Amino acid sequence: MTLNKELMIVLTTEANSENAEVLAERILRKKLAACISFHQIESMYWWNSQLKRDGEVQIMIKTTKFQLEKLLDTVKDLHSYENPELLSWEASSSNSYLNWANKVTGSIDSL
C-alpha cells in the first residue's frame, strides 16, 4: 500500500465535552475537516504564573493541506480558550482515505 502525505492532523483541547462537540460540529458543517475524534485527558500546564491541572477534551481533527489555514483561523475564532492549543502536522494516509477526506472537505471537485 502506498501512503500519501497530503493529510493534516490538528490537535487542540477544550474544557469539556459540550464545548468540544460544538466546536467540532461547526468545523464539520463548514467542511473544513473530514473527521474529528475526542479523547478525555488530564492536563497540567502553566497559566498566569500558576501551575494548573484540569480535565479536558483533546480534539484530533483530520483535514487536508488545502483546508489547513481556513481550519486554523476558524478554530482561533470559535474556540472558548483565550490561547488555544493549536498543533498541526502532516500525516501519511492511504490514498483511499485521502481521497475521501478531499471529497468531504471540497479540497477537490470530484474523484
PDB file of N, CA and C in Angstrom:
ATOM      1  N   MET A   1       0.857  -1.184   0.000  1.00  0.00           N
ATOM      2  CA  MET A   1       0.000   0.000   0.000  1.00  0.00           C
ATOM      3  C   MET A   1       0.897   1.238   0.000  1.00  0.00           C
ATOM      4  N   THR A   2       0.616   2.152  -0.885  1.00  0.00           N
ATOM      5  CA  THR A   2       1.333   3.419  -0.954  1.00  0.00           C
ATOM      6  C   THR A   2       0.642   4.427  -0.058  1.00  0.00           C
ATOM      7  N   LEU A   3       1.439   5.154   0.743  1.00  0.00           N
ATOM      8  CA  LEU A   3       0.857   6.175   1.607  1.00  0.00           C
ATOM      9  C   LEU A   3       1.081   7.546   1.007  1.00  0.00           C
ATOM     10  N   ASN A   4       0.100   8.393   1.141  1.00  0.00           N
ATOM     11  CA  ASN A   4       0.141   9.755   0.635  1.00  0.00           C
ATOM     12  C   ASN A   4       0.265  10.705   1.810  1.00  0.00           C
ATOM     13  N   LYS A   5       1.028  11.786   1.658  1.00  0.00           N
ATOM     14  CA  LYS A   5       1.280  12.705   2.772  1.00  0.00           C
ATOM     15  C   LYS A   5       0.593  14.058   2.588  1.00  0.00           C
ATOM     16  N   GLU A   6      -0.619  14.061   2.149  1.00  0.00           N
ATOM     17  CA  GLU A   6      -1.370  15.308   1.977  1.00  0.00           C
ATOM     18  C   GLU A   6      -2.375  15.556   3.091  1.00  0.00           C
ATOM     19  N   LEU A   7      -2.505  14.612   3.996  1.00  0.00           N
ATOM     20  CA  LEU A   7      -3.448  14.743   5.101  1.00  0.00           C
ATOM     21  C   LEU A   7      -2.777  15.488   6.247  1.00  0.00           C
ATOM     22  N   MET A   8      -3.543  16.272   6.972  1.00  0.00           N
ATOM     23  CA  MET A   8      -3.029  17.015   8.111  1.00  0.00           C
ATOM     24  C   MET A   8      -3.817  16.633   9.357  1.00  0.00           C
ATOM     25  N   ILE A   9      -3.101  16.584  10.482  1.00  0.00           N
ATOM     26  CA  ILE A   9      -3.721  16.358  11.782  1.00  0.00           C
ATOM     27  C   ILE A   9      -3.581  17.662  12.568  1.00  0.00           C
ATOM     28  N   VAL A  10      -4.659  18.107  13.157  1.00  0.00           N
ATOM     29  CA  VAL A  10      -4.647  19.300  14.011  1.00  0.00           C
ATOM     30  C   VAL A  10      -5.137  18.861  15.383  1.00  0.00           C
ATOM     31  N   LEU A  11      -4.414  19.278  16.404  1.00  0.00           N
ATOM     32  CA  LEU A  11      -4.747  18.917  17.776  1.00  0.00           C
ATOM     33  C   LEU A  11      -5.052  20.173  18.576  1.00  0.00           C
ATOM     34  N   THR A  12      -6.144  20.129  19.319  1.00  0.00           N
ATOM     35  CA  THR A  12      -6.485  21.202  20.237  1.00  0.00           C
ATOM     36  C   THR A  12      -7.197  20.563  21.436  1.00  0.00           C
ATOM     37  N   THR A  13      -7.519  21.361  22.429  1.00  0.00           N
ATOM     38  CA  THR A  13      -8.264  20.879  23.588  1.00  0.00           C
ATOM     39  C   THR A  13      -9.389  21.851  23.886  1.00  0.00           C
ATOM     40  N   GLU A  14     -10.404  21.342  24.554  1.00  0.00           N
ATOM     41  CA  GLU A  14     -11.495  22.174  25.061  1.00  0.00           C
ATOM     42  C   GLU A  14     -11.745  21.788  26.511  1.00  0.00           C
ATOM     43  N   ALA A  15     -12.412  22.657  27.236  1.00  0.00           N
ATOM     44  CA  ALA A  15     -12.621  22.467  28.671  1.00  0.00           C
ATOM     45  C   ALA A  15     -13.554  21.302  28.986  1.00  0.00           C
ATOM     46  N   ASN A  16     -14.491  21.000  28.078  1.00  0.00           N
ATOM     47  CA  ASN A  16     -15.463  19.948  28.364  1.00  0.00           C
ATOM     48  C   ASN A  16     -16.035  19.388  27.062  1.00  0.00           C
ATOM     49  N   SER A  17     -16.800  18.313  27.192  1.00  0.00           N
ATOM     50  CA  SER A  17     -17.371  17.635  26.021  1.00  0.00           C
ATOM     51  C   SER A  17     -18.326  18.532  25.245  1.00  0.00           C
ATOM     52  N   GLU A  18     -19.116  19.318  25.956  1.00  0.00           N
ATOM     53  CA  GLU A  18     -20.064  20.195  25.270  1.00  0.00           C
ATOM     54  C   GLU A  18     -19.343  21.192  24.367  1.00  0.00           C
ATOM     55  N   ASN A  19     -18.322  21.865  24.881  1.00  0.00           N
ATOM     56  CA  ASN A  19     -17.553  22.812  24.059  1.00  0.00           C
ATOM     57  C   ASN A  19     -16.885  22.100  22.889  1.00  0.00           C
ATOM     58  N   ALA A  20     -16.337  20.905  23.145  1.00  0.00           N
ATOM     59  CA  ALA A  20     -15.656  20.150  22.098  1.00  0.00           C
ATOM     60  C   ALA A  20     -16.624  19.780  20.976  1.00  0.00           C
ATOM     61  N   GLU A  21     -17.810  19.336  21.345  1.00  0.00           N
ATOM     62  CA  GLU A  21     -18.796  18.938  20.344  1.00  0.00           C
ATOM     63  C   GLU A  21     -19.298  20.127  19.538  1.00  0.00           C
ATOM     64  N   VAL A  22     -19.518  21.256  20.188  1.00  0.00           N
ATOM     65  CA  VAL A  22     -19.954  22.464  19.469  1.00  0.00           C
ATOM     66  C   VAL A  22     -18.877  22.893  18.473  1.00  0.00           C
ATOM     67  N   LEU A  23     -17.633  22.929  18.915  1.00  0.00           N
ATOM     68  CA  LEU A  23     -16.536  23.315  18.028  1.00  0.00           C
ATOM     69  C   LEU A  23     -16.431  22.341  16.861  1.00  0.00           C
ATOM     70  N   ALA A  24     -16.483  21.052  17.141  1.00  0.00           N
ATOM     71  CA  ALA A  24     -16.367  20.044  16.087  1.00  0.00           C
ATOM     72  C   ALA A  24     -17.494  20.155  15.070  1.00  0.00           C
ATOM     73  N   GLU A  25     -18.704  20.315  15.560  1.00  0.00           N
ATOM     74  CA  GLU A  25     -19.830  20.407  14.628  1.00  0.00           C
ATOM     75  C   GLU A  25     -19.707  21.629  13.721  1.00  0.00           C
ATOM     76  N   ARG A  26     -19.274  22.737  14.267  1.00  0.00           N
ATOM     77  CA  ARG A  26     -19.127  23.952  13.446  1.00  0.00           C
ATOM     78  C   ARG A  26     -18.032  23.773  12.399  1.00  0.00           C
ATOM     79  N   ILE A  27     -16.939  23.113  12.775  1.00  0.00           N
ATOM     80  CA  ILE A  27     -15.853  22.830  11.824  1.00  0.00           C
ATOM     81  C   ILE A  27     -16.349  21.900  10.716  1.00  0.00           C
ATOM     82  N   LEU A  28     -17.040  20.837  11.112  1.00  0.00           N
ATOM     83  CA  LEU A  28     -17.521  19.865  10.125  1.00  0.00           C
ATOM     84  C   LEU A  28     -18.579  20.464   9.209  1.00  0.00           C
ATOM     85  N   ARG A  29     -19.467  21.275   9.743  1.00  0.00           N
ATOM     86  CA  ARG A  29     -20.500  21.898   8.896  1.00  0.00           C
ATOM     87  C   ARG A  29     -19.890  22.868   7.877  1.00  0.00           C
ATOM     88  N   LYS A  30     -18.746  23.452   8.208  1.00  0.00           N
ATOM     89  CA  LYS A  30     -18.032  24.316   7.265  1.00  0.00           C
ATOM     90  C   LYS A  30     -17.193  23.503   6.279  1.00  0.00           C
ATOM     91  N   LYS A  31     -17.192  22.167   6.461  1.00  0.00           N
ATOM     92  CA  LYS A  31     -16.435  21.234   5.617  1.00  0.00           C
ATOM     93  C   LYS A  31     -14.937  21.526   5.642  1.00  0.00           C
ATOM     94  N   LEU A  32     -14.444  21.900   6.821  1.00  0.00           N
ATOM     95  CA  LEU A  32     -13.014  22.173   6.995  1.00  0.00           C
ATOM     96  C   LEU A  32     -12.267  20.950   7.499  1.00  0.00           C
ATOM     97  N   ALA A  33     -12.976  19.892   7.809  1.00  0.00           N
ATOM     98  CA  ALA A  33     -12.369  18.645   8.272  1.00  0.00           C
ATOM     99  C   ALA A  33     -13.218  17.476   7.802  1.00  0.00           C
ATOM    100  N   ALA A  34     -12.576  16.326   7.697  1.00  0.00           N
ATOM    101  CA  ALA A  34     -13.290  15.115   7.298  1.00  0.00           C
ATOM    102  C   ALA A  34     -13.762  14.320   8.504  1.00  0.00           C
ATOM    103  N   CYS A  35     -13.010  14.393   9.602  1.00  0.00           N
ATOM    104  CA  CYS A  35     -13.301  13.583  10.770  1.00  0.00           C
ATOM    105  C   CYS A  35     -12.691  14.249  12.000  1.00  0.00           C
ATOM    106  N   ILE A  36     -13.375  14.145  13.128  1.00  0.00           N
ATOM    107  CA  ILE A  36     -12.871  14.711  14.383  1.00  0.00           C
ATOM    108  C   ILE A  36     -13.085  13.678  15.481  1.00  0.00           C
ATOM    109  N   SER A  37     -12.019  13.431  16.249  1.00  0.00           N
ATOM    110  CA  SER A  37     -12.073  12.471  17.355  1.00  0.00           C
ATOM    111  C   SER A  37     -11.912  13.197  18.682  1.00  0.00           C
ATOM    112  N   PHE A  38     -12.507  12.636  19.728  1.00  0.00           N
ATOM    113  CA  PHE A  38     -12.441  13.213  21.073  1.00  0.00           C
ATOM    114  C   PHE A  38     -11.793  12.216  22.031  1.00  0.00           C
ATOM    115  N   HIS A  39     -10.998  12.742  22.946  1.00  0.00           N
ATOM    116  CA  HIS A  39     -10.365  11.924  23.974  1.00  0.00           C
ATOM    117  C   HIS A  39     -10.392  12.694  25.289  1.00  0.00           C
ATOM    118  N   GLN A  40     -10.899  12.081  26.352  1.00  0.00           N
ATOM    119  CA  GLN A  40     -10.859  12.684  27.683  1.00  0.00           C
ATOM    120  C   GLN A  40      -9.426  12.594  28.192  1.00  0.00           C
ATOM    121  N   ILE A  41      -8.864  13.721  28.657  1.00  0.00           N
ATOM    122  CA  ILE A  41      -7.488  13.732  29.142  1.00  0.00           C
ATOM    123  C   ILE A  41      -7.385  14.557  30.416  1.00  0.00           C
ATOM    124  N   GLU A  42      -6.282  14.435  31.111  1.00  0.00           N
ATOM    125  CA  GLU A  42      -5.891  15.303  32.225  1.00  0.00           C
ATOM    126  C   GLU A  42      -4.687  16.103  31.757  1.00  0.00           C
ATOM    127  N   SER A  43      -4.705  17.400  31.959  1.00  0.00           N
ATOM    128  CA  SER A  43      -3.609  18.258  31.527  1.00  0.00           C
ATOM    129  C   SER A  43      -3.031  19.017  32.707  1.00  0.00           C
ATOM    130  N   MET A  44      -1.716  19.177  32.700  1.00  0.00           N
ATOM    131  CA  MET A  44      -1.025  20.061  33.648  1.00  0.00           C
ATOM    132  C   MET A  44      -0.301  21.106  32.813  1.00  0.00           C
ATOM    133  N   TYR A  45      -0.405  22.369  33.242  1.00  0.00           N
ATOM    134  CA  TYR A  45       0.161  23.454  32.440  1.00  0.00           C
ATOM    135  C   TYR A  45       0.316  24.704  33.301  1.00  0.00           C
ATOM    136  N   TRP A  46       1.119  25.612  32.791  1.00  0.00           N
ATOM    137  CA  TRP A  46       1.270  26.922  33.433  1.00  0.00           C
ATOM    138  C   TRP A  46       0.274  27.895  32.824  1.00  0.00           C
ATOM    139  N   TRP A  47      -0.433  28.639  33.688  1.00  0.00           N
ATOM    140  CA  TRP A  47      -1.331  29.701  33.217  1.00  0.00           C
ATOM    141  C   TRP A  47      -1.323  30.808  34.258  1.00  0.00           C
ATOM    142  N   ASN A  48      -1.017  32.026  33.805  1.00  0.00           N
ATOM    143  CA  ASN A  48      -0.954  33.191  34.685  1.00  0.00           C
ATOM    144  C   ASN A  48      -0.073  32.922  35.906  1.00  0.00           C
ATOM    145  N   SER A  49       1.095  32.385  35.658  1.00  0.00           N
ATOM    146  CA  SER A  49       2.113  32.101  36.681  1.00  0.00           C
ATOM    147  C   SER A  49       1.687  31.060  37.710  1.00  0.00           C
ATOM    148  N   GLN A  50       0.678  30.286  37.407  1.00  0.00           N
ATOM    149  CA  GLN A  50       0.223  29.234  38.315  1.00  0.00           C
ATOM    150  C   GLN A  50       0.232  27.891  37.590  1.00  0.00           C
ATOM    151  N   LEU A  51       0.651  26.860  38.321  1.00  0.00           N
ATOM    152  CA  LEU A  51       0.594  25.513  37.787  1.00  0.00           C
ATOM    153  C   LEU A  51      -0.841  25.001  37.939  1.00  0.00           C
ATOM    154  N   LYS A  52      -1.439  24.601  36.838  1.00  0.00           N
ATOM    155  CA  LYS A  52      -2.836  24.162  36.813  1.00  0.00           C
ATOM    156  C   LYS A  52      -2.921  22.685  36.436  1.00  0.00           C
ATOM    157  N   ARG A  53      -3.986  22.070  36.859  1.00  0.00           N
ATOM    158  CA  ARG A  53      -4.311  20.699  36.454  1.00  0.00           C
ATOM    159  C   ARG A  53      -5.814  20.640  36.233  1.00  0.00           C
ATOM    160  N   ASP A  54      -6.203  20.216  35.028  1.00  0.00           N
ATOM    161  CA  ASP A  54      -7.623  20.184  34.675  1.00  0.00           C
ATOM    162  C   ASP A  54      -7.925  19.001  33.779  1.00  0.00           C
ATOM    163  N   GLY A  55      -9.153  18.547  33.866  1.00  0.00           N
ATOM    164  CA  GLY A  55      -9.656  17.605  32.878  1.00  0.00           C
ATOM    165  C   GLY A  55     -10.019  18.396  31.625  1.00  0.00           C
ATOM    166  N   GLU A  56      -9.717  17.850  30.472  1.00  0.00           N
ATOM    167  CA  GLU A  56     -10.028  18.500  29.200  1.00  0.00           C
ATOM    168  C   GLU A  56     -10.463  17.432  28.205  1.00  0.00           C
ATOM    169  N   VAL A  57     -10.939  17.888  27.083  1.00  0.00           N
ATOM    170  CA  VAL A  57     -11.225  17.015  25.956  1.00  0.00           C
ATOM    171  C   VAL A  57     -10.235  17.367  24.855  1.00  0.00           C
ATOM    172  N   GLN A  58      -9.433  16.388  24.482  1.00  0.00           N
ATOM    173  CA  GLN A  58      -8.489  16.578  23.380  1.00  0.00           C
ATOM    174  C   GLN A  58      -9.245  16.308  22.076  1.00  0.00           C
ATOM    175  N   ILE A  59      -9.047  17.191  21.116  1.00  0.00           N
ATOM    176  CA  ILE A  59      -9.757  17.110  19.845  1.00  0.00           C
ATOM    177  C   ILE A  59      -8.730  16.893  18.737  1.00  0.00           C
ATOM    178  N   MET A  60      -8.854  15.758  18.045  1.00  0.00           N
ATOM    179  CA  MET A  60      -7.966  15.450  16.924  1.00  0.00           C
ATOM    180  C   MET A  60      -8.757  15.626  15.636  1.00  0.00           C
ATOM    181  N   ILE A  61      -8.299  16.566  14.820  1.00  0.00           N
ATOM    182  CA  ILE A  61      -9.008  16.945  13.601  1.00  0.00           C
ATOM    183  C   ILE A  61      -8.220  16.457  12.395  1.00  0.00           C
ATOM    184  N   LYS A  62      -8.890  15.710  11.506  1.00  0.00           N
ATOM    185  CA  LYS A  62      -8.259  15.246  10.279  1.00  0.00           C
ATOM    186  C   LYS A  62      -8.750  16.119   9.135  1.00  0.00           C
ATOM    187  N   THR A  63      -7.798  16.773   8.463  1.00  0.00           N
ATOM    188  CA  THR A  63      -8.136  17.685   7.382  1.00  0.00           C
ATOM    189  C   THR A  63      -7.118  17.527   6.258  1.00  0.00           C
ATOM    190  N   THR A  64      -7.212  18.392   5.266  1.00  0.00           N
ATOM    191  CA  THR A  64      -6.282  18.363   4.137  1.00  0.00           C
ATOM    192  C   THR A  64      -5.402  19.606   4.173  1.00  0.00           C
ATOM    193  N   LYS A  65      -4.286  19.529   3.466  1.00  0.00           N
ATOM    194  CA  LYS A  65      -3.408  20.710   3.378  1.00  0.00           C
ATOM    195  C   LYS A  65      -4.168  21.901   2.803  1.00  0.00           C
ATOM    196  N   PHE A  66      -5.063  21.625   1.862  1.00  0.00           N
ATOM    197  CA  PHE A  66      -5.838  22.676   1.209  1.00  0.00           C
ATOM    198  C   PHE A  66      -6.690  23.458   2.216  1.00  0.00           C
ATOM    199  N   GLN A  67      -7.229  22.797   3.221  1.00  0.00           N
ATOM    200  CA  GLN A  67      -8.136  23.434   4.190  1.00  0.00           C
ATOM    201  C   GLN A  67      -7.437  23.868   5.475  1.00  0.00           C
ATOM    202  N   LEU A  68      -6.156  23.591   5.634  1.00  0.00           N
ATOM    203  CA  LEU A  68      -5.484  23.809   6.913  1.00  0.00           C
ATOM    204  C   LEU A  68      -5.579  25.250   7.408  1.00  0.00           C
ATOM    205  N   GLU A  69      -5.235  26.223   6.619  1.00  0.00           N
ATOM    206  CA  GLU A  69      -5.236  27.623   7.088  1.00  0.00           C
ATOM    207  C   GLU A  69      -6.634  28.089   7.470  1.00  0.00           C
ATOM    208  N   LYS A  70      -7.630  27.735   6.659  1.00  0.00           N
ATOM    209  CA  LYS A  70      -9.010  28.105   6.986  1.00  0.00           C
ATOM    210  C   LYS A  70      -9.448  27.442   8.286  1.00  0.00           C
ATOM    211  N   LEU A  71      -9.045  26.190   8.471  1.00  0.00           N
ATOM    212  CA  LEU A  71      -9.382  25.472   9.693  1.00  0.00           C
ATOM    213  C   LEU A  71      -8.752  26.141  10.908  1.00  0.00           C
ATOM    214  N   LEU A  72      -7.463  26.460  10.842  1.00  0.00           N
ATOM    215  CA  LEU A  72      -6.776  27.094  11.974  1.00  0.00           C
ATOM    216  C   LEU A  72      -7.414  28.434  12.319  1.00  0.00           C
ATOM    217  N   ASP A  73      -7.732  29.233  11.304  1.00  0.00           N
ATOM    218  CA  ASP A  73      -8.399  30.522  11.547  1.00  0.00           C
ATOM    219  C   ASP A  73      -9.758  30.327  12.205  1.00  0.00           C
ATOM    220  N   THR A  74     -10.501  29.328  11.756  1.00  0.00           N
ATOM    221  CA  THR A  74     -11.822  29.054  12.315  1.00  0.00           C
ATOM    222  C   THR A  74     -11.722  28.611  13.766  1.00  0.00           C
ATOM    223  N   VAL A  75     -10.783  27.730  14.065  1.00  0.00           N
ATOM    224  CA  VAL A  75     -10.614  27.269  15.443  1.00  0.00           C
ATOM    225  C   VAL A  75     -10.261  28.455  16.343  1.00  0.00           C
ATOM    226  N   LYS A  76      -9.352  29.318  15.907  1.00  0.00           N
ATOM    227  CA  LYS A  76      -8.999  30.503  16.703  1.00  0.00           C
ATOM    228  C   LYS A  76     -10.221  31.374  16.966  1.00  0.00           C
ATOM    229  N   ASP A  77     -11.067  31.552  15.954  1.00  0.00           N
ATOM    230  CA  ASP A  77     -12.252  32.409  16.090  1.00  0.00           C
ATOM    231  C   ASP A  77     -13.322  31.799  16.999  1.00  0.00           C
ATOM    232  N   LEU A  78     -13.483  30.482  16.971  1.00  0.00           N
ATOM    233  CA  LEU A  78     -14.595  29.830  17.669  1.00  0.00           C
ATOM    234  C   LEU A  78     -14.224  29.239  19.022  1.00  0.00           C
ATOM    235  N   HIS A  79     -12.957  29.104  19.293  1.00  0.00           N
ATOM    236  CA  HIS A  79     -12.510  28.400  20.495  1.00  0.00           C
ATOM    237  C   HIS A  79     -12.883  29.150  21.762  1.00  0.00           C
ATOM    238  N   SER A  80     -13.185  28.412  22.824  1.00  0.00           N
ATOM    239  CA  SER A  80     -13.565  29.043  24.095  1.00  0.00           C
ATOM    240  C   SER A  80     -12.354  29.524  24.897  1.00  0.00           C
ATOM    241  N   TYR A  81     -11.159  29.028  24.582  1.00  0.00           N
ATOM    242  CA  TYR A  81      -9.963  29.435  25.325  1.00  0.00           C
ATOM    243  C   TYR A  81      -9.378  30.725  24.760  1.00  0.00           C
ATOM    244  N   GLU A  82      -8.798  31.510  25.640  1.00  0.00           N
ATOM    245  CA  GLU A  82      -8.116  32.739  25.241  1.00  0.00           C
ATOM    246  C   GLU A  82      -6.902  32.434  24.356  1.00  0.00           C
ATOM    247  N   ASN A  83      -6.186  31.379  24.677  1.00  0.00           N
ATOM    248  CA  ASN A  83      -4.984  30.985  23.940  1.00  0.00           C
ATOM    249  C   ASN A  83      -5.040  29.478  23.676  1.00  0.00           C
ATOM    250  N   PRO A  84      -5.824  29.058  22.675  1.00  0.00           N
ATOM    251  CA  PRO A  84      -5.998  27.618  22.464  1.00  0.00           C
ATOM    252  C   PRO A  84      -4.735  26.943  21.940  1.00  0.00           C
ATOM    253  N   GLU A  85      -4.550  25.716  22.393  1.00  0.00           N
ATOM    254  CA  GLU A  85      -3.505  24.867  21.818  1.00  0.00           C
ATOM    255  C   GLU A  85      -3.883  24.590  20.374  1.00  0.00           C
ATOM    256  N   LEU A  86      -2.955  24.836  19.469  1.00  0.00           N
ATOM    257  CA  LEU A  86      -3.156  24.503  18.058  1.00  0.00           C
ATOM    258  C   LEU A  86      -1.864  23.898  17.533  1.00  0.00           C
ATOM    259  N   LEU A  87      -1.840  22.589  17.446  1.00  0.00           N
ATOM    260  CA  LEU A  87      -0.694  21.866  16.919  1.00  0.00           C
ATOM    261  C   LEU A  87      -1.117  21.198  15.624  1.00  0.00           C
ATOM    262  N   SER A  88      -0.244  21.201  14.635  1.00  0.00           N
ATOM    263  CA  SER A  88      -0.584  20.521  13.385  1.00  0.00           C
ATOM    264  C   SER A  88       0.650  19.839  12.819  1.00  0.00           C
ATOM    265  N   TRP A  89       0.397  18.740  12.120  1.00  0.00           N
ATOM    266  CA  TRP A  89       1.482  18.045  11.453  1.00  0.00           C
ATOM    267  C   TRP A  89       0.928  17.254  10.276  1.00  0.00           C
ATOM    268  N   GLU A  90       1.820  16.976   9.352  1.00  0.00           N
ATOM    269  CA  GLU A  90       1.485  16.192   8.177  1.00  0.00           C
ATOM    270  C   GLU A  90       1.389  14.727   8.568  1.00  0.00           C
ATOM    271  N   ALA A  91       0.414  14.036   8.005  1.00  0.00           N
ATOM    272  CA  ALA A  91       0.227  12.619   8.311  1.00  0.00           C
ATOM    273  C   ALA A  91       0.180  11.813   7.020  1.00  0.00           C
ATOM    274  N   SER A  92       0.686  10.621   7.094  1.00  0.00           N
ATOM    275  CA  SER A  92       0.587   9.695   5.967  1.00  0.00           C
ATOM    276  C   SER A  92      -0.746   8.966   6.053  1.00  0.00           C
ATOM    277  N   SER A  93      -1.363   8.759   4.913  1.00  0.00           N
ATOM    278  CA  SER A  93      -2.622   8.018   4.881  1.00  0.00           C
ATOM    279  C   SER A  93      -2.689   7.208   3.598  1.00  0.00           C
ATOM    280  N   SER A  94      -3.608   6.277   3.583  1.00  0.00           N
ATOM    281  CA  SER A  94      -3.847   5.551   2.337  1.00  0.00           C
ATOM    282  C   SER A  94      -4.439   6.517   1.320  1.00  0.00           C
ATOM    283  N   ASN A  95      -4.263   6.202   0.063  1.00  0.00           N
ATOM    284  CA  ASN A  95      -4.840   7.058  -0.976  1.00  0.00           C
ATOM    285  C   ASN A  95      -6.353   7.099  -0.868  1.00  0.00           C
ATOM    286  N   SER A  96      -6.975   5.985  -0.515  1.00  0.00           N
ATOM    287  CA  SER A  96      -8.439   5.972  -0.435  1.00  0.00           C
ATOM    288  C   SER A  96      -8.931   6.867   0.708  1.00  0.00           C
ATOM    289  N   TYR A  97      -8.233   6.868   1.866  1.00  0.00           N
ATOM    290  CA  TYR A  97      -8.633   7.744   2.972  1.00  0.00           C
ATOM    291  C   TYR A  97      -8.439   9.204   2.573  1.00  0.00           C
ATOM    292  N   LEU A  98      -7.310   9.512   1.945  1.00  0.00           N
ATOM    293  CA  LEU A  98      -7.057  10.877   1.498  1.00  0.00           C
ATOM    294  C   LEU A  98      -8.096  11.315   0.465  1.00  0.00           C
ATOM    295  N   ASN A  99      -8.428  10.440  -0.462  1.00  0.00           N
ATOM    296  CA  ASN A  99      -9.453  10.785  -1.456  1.00  0.00           C
ATOM    297  C   ASN A  99     -10.783  11.090  -0.786  1.00  0.00           C
ATOM    298  N   TRP A 100     -11.148  10.284   0.214  1.00  0.00           N
ATOM    299  CA  TRP A 100     -12.374  10.539   0.967  1.00  0.00           C
ATOM    300  C   TRP A 100     -12.301  11.894   1.671  1.00  0.00           C
ATOM    301  N   ALA A 101     -11.188  12.186   2.346  1.00  0.00           N
ATOM    302  CA  ALA A 101     -11.023  13.460   3.056  1.00  0.00           C
ATOM    303  C   ALA A 101     -11.098  14.633   2.083  1.00  0.00           C
ATOM    304  N   ASN A 102     -10.458  14.497   0.928  1.00  0.00           N
ATOM    305  CA  ASN A 102     -10.520  15.558  -0.083  1.00  0.00           C
ATOM    306  C   ASN A 102     -11.943  15.785  -0.561  1.00  0.00           C
ATOM    307  N   LYS A 103     -12.667  14.702  -0.780  1.00  0.00           N
ATOM    308  CA  LYS A 103     -14.049  14.824  -1.275  1.00  0.00           C
ATOM    309  C   LYS A 103     -14.935  15.471  -0.214  1.00  0.00           C
ATOM    310  N   VAL A 104     -14.821  15.026   1.031  1.00  0.00           N
ATOM    311  CA  VAL A 104     -15.656  15.547   2.119  1.00  0.00           C
ATOM    312  C   VAL A 104     -15.409  17.036   2.342  1.00  0.00           C
ATOM    313  N   THR A 105     -14.157  17.454   2.269  1.00  0.00           N
ATOM    314  CA  THR A 105     -13.807  18.845   2.567  1.00  0.00           C
ATOM    315  C   THR A 105     -13.865  19.761   1.340  1.00  0.00           C
ATOM    316  N   GLY A 106     -14.175  19.209   0.188  1.00  0.00           N
ATOM    317  CA  GLY A 106     -14.218  20.033  -1.011  1.00  0.00           C
ATOM    318  C   GLY A 106     -12.847  20.433  -1.500  1.00  0.00           C
ATOM    319  N   SER A 107     -11.821  19.698  -1.079  1.00  0.00           N
ATOM    320  CA  SER A 107     -10.460  20.023  -1.496  1.00  0.00           C
ATOM    321  C   SER A 107     -10.208  19.671  -2.961  1.00  0.00           C
ATOM    322  N   ILE A 108     -11.044  18.819  -3.506  1.00  0.00           N
ATOM    323  CA  ILE A 108     -11.015  18.513  -4.934  1.00  0.00           C
ATOM    324  C   ILE A 108     -12.459  18.485  -5.417  1.00  0.00           C
ATOM    325  N   ASP A 109     -12.648  18.705  -6.701  1.00  0.00           N
ATOM    326  CA  ASP A 109     -14.007  18.754  -7.235  1.00  0.00           C
ATOM    327  C   ASP A 109     -14.681  17.402  -7.278  1.00  0.00           C
ATOM    328  N   SER A 110     -13.976  16.401  -7.750  1.00  0.00           N
ATOM    329  CA  SER A 110     -14.572  15.070  -7.824  1.00  0.00           C
ATOM    330  C   SER A 110     -13.476  14.036  -7.865  1.00  0.00           C
ATOM    331  N   LEU A 111     -13.839  12.804  -7.610  1.00  0.00           N
ATOM    332  CA  LEU A 111     -12.876  11.686  -7.622  1.00  0.00           C
ATOM    333  C   LEU A 111     -13.139  10.803  -8.814  1.00  0.00           C
TER     334      LEU A 111
END
